[in-house]
Amino acid sequence: MGKKKSGSKTAKRIVAENTIRKIAERDGVSTEYVRKQMQIAMLNGLCSTDPKVKAFWDAVPCEKDIPTPEELILYISEMVRRKKII
């Protein structure tokens, strides 16, 4: 974890933010609530001792030690785009 990437707000990052907004609208909750729930789920995954799960999280590019929900969305969407399904 902690792999650096460009810090500017790219079009892809805006798409990830819009994805969170759409989930919030669909579920009738705030975007902050969606982010918080994603962070809780992500922390559960990050704490796993399973080597395959650890390898997945180590592969997620992020600016800090723990990926943001947006960084995770971008990573997974790129995997799906390349058909390297998780």
Protein backbone atom coordinates (compact mmCIF):
# COMPACT_ATOMS: atom_id res chain seq x y z
CA MET A 1 0.00 0.00 0.00
CA GLY A 2 0.99 3.63 -0.17
CA LYS A 3 1.89 3.61 -3.85
CA LYS A 4 1.98 7.17 -5.16
CA LYS A 5 -0.01 8.48 -8.07
CA SER A 6 -0.67 11.91 -9.48
CA GLY A 7 -2.33 14.19 -6.96
CA SER A 8 -4.53 16.22 -9.30
CA LYS A 9 -8.25 15.62 -9.55
CA THR A 10 -8.53 13.66 -12.76
CA ALA A 11 -11.62 12.91 -14.81
CA LYS A 12 -11.49 9.34 -13.50
CA ARG A 13 -11.49 10.55 -9.91
CA ILE A 14 -14.52 12.72 -10.66
CA VAL A 15 -16.25 9.63 -12.09
CA ALA A 16 -15.48 7.75 -8.84
CA GLU A 17 -16.91 10.62 -6.78
CA ASN A 18 -20.01 10.65 -8.98
CA THR A 19 -20.39 6.91 -8.41
CA ILE A 20 -20.49 7.50 -4.65
CA ARG A 21 -23.00 10.32 -5.17
CA LYS A 22 -25.24 8.07 -7.28
CA ILE A 23 -25.15 5.31 -4.64
CA ALA A 24 -26.07 7.86 -1.98
CA GLU A 25 -28.97 9.19 -4.06
CA ARG A 26 -30.19 5.67 -4.83
CA ASP A 27 -30.13 4.68 -1.15
CA GLY A 28 -31.42 8.01 0.18
CA VAL A 29 -28.33 8.68 2.31
CA SER A 30 -25.49 11.21 2.29
CA THR A 31 -22.29 10.75 0.31
CA GLU A 32 -20.43 10.92 3.62
CA TYR A 33 -22.45 7.95 4.88
CA VAL A 34 -21.61 5.94 1.75
CA ARG A 35 -17.90 6.78 2.11
CA LYS A 36 -17.95 5.84 5.82
CA GLN A 37 -19.62 2.48 5.12
CA MET A 38 -17.10 1.79 2.35
CA GLN A 39 -14.24 2.68 4.69
CA ILE A 40 -15.55 0.29 7.34
CA ALA A 41 -15.77 -2.54 4.79
CA MET A 42 -12.33 -1.67 3.44
CA LEU A 43 -10.77 -1.71 6.92
CA ASN A 44 -12.24 -5.16 7.50
CA GLY A 45 -10.55 -6.33 4.31
CA LEU A 46 -7.29 -4.57 5.10
CA CYS A 47 -7.12 -6.38 8.47
CA SER A 48 -7.41 -9.81 6.87
CA THR A 49 -4.62 -12.33 7.41
CA ASP A 50 -5.49 -14.20 4.21
CA PRO A 51 -2.51 -13.89 1.81
CA LYS A 52 -4.78 -13.51 -1.24
CA VAL A 53 -6.72 -10.71 0.42
CA LYS A 54 -3.48 -9.02 1.51
CA ALA A 55 -2.17 -9.26 -2.06
CA PHE A 56 -5.34 -7.62 -3.38
CA TRP A 57 -5.04 -4.68 -0.97
CA ASP A 58 -1.31 -4.33 -1.63
CA ALA A 59 -2.11 -3.95 -5.34
CA VAL A 60 -4.54 -1.05 -4.83
CA PRO A 61 -2.75 2.20 -5.79
CA CYS A 62 -3.18 4.87 -3.14
CA GLU A 63 -1.66 8.18 -2.10
CA LYS A 64 -1.57 7.32 1.61
CA ASP A 65 -1.30 4.12 3.63
CA ILE A 66 -4.97 3.24 3.20
CA PRO A 67 -6.86 3.68 -0.07
CA THR A 68 -9.79 6.05 -0.24
CA PRO A 69 -13.15 4.74 -1.44
CA GLU A 70 -12.54 6.64 -4.69
CA GLU A 71 -9.15 4.97 -5.16
CA LEU A 72 -10.73 1.56 -4.61
CA ILE A 73 -13.52 2.31 -7.11
CA LEU A 74 -10.94 3.39 -9.71
CA TYR A 75 -8.82 0.28 -9.15
CA ILE A 76 -11.72 -2.16 -9.35
CA SER A 77 -13.23 -0.42 -12.38
CA GLU A 78 -9.87 -0.67 -14.15
CA MET A 79 -9.64 -4.38 -13.29
CA VAL A 80 -13.13 -4.93 -14.69
CA ARG A 81 -12.29 -2.87 -17.77
CA ARG A 82 -9.26 -5.07 -18.39
CA LYS A 83 -11.41 -8.12 -17.58
CA LYS A 84 -9.06 -9.12 -14.80
CA ILE A 85 -12.06 -9.72 -12.61
CA ILE A 86 -11.16 -9.91 -8.94
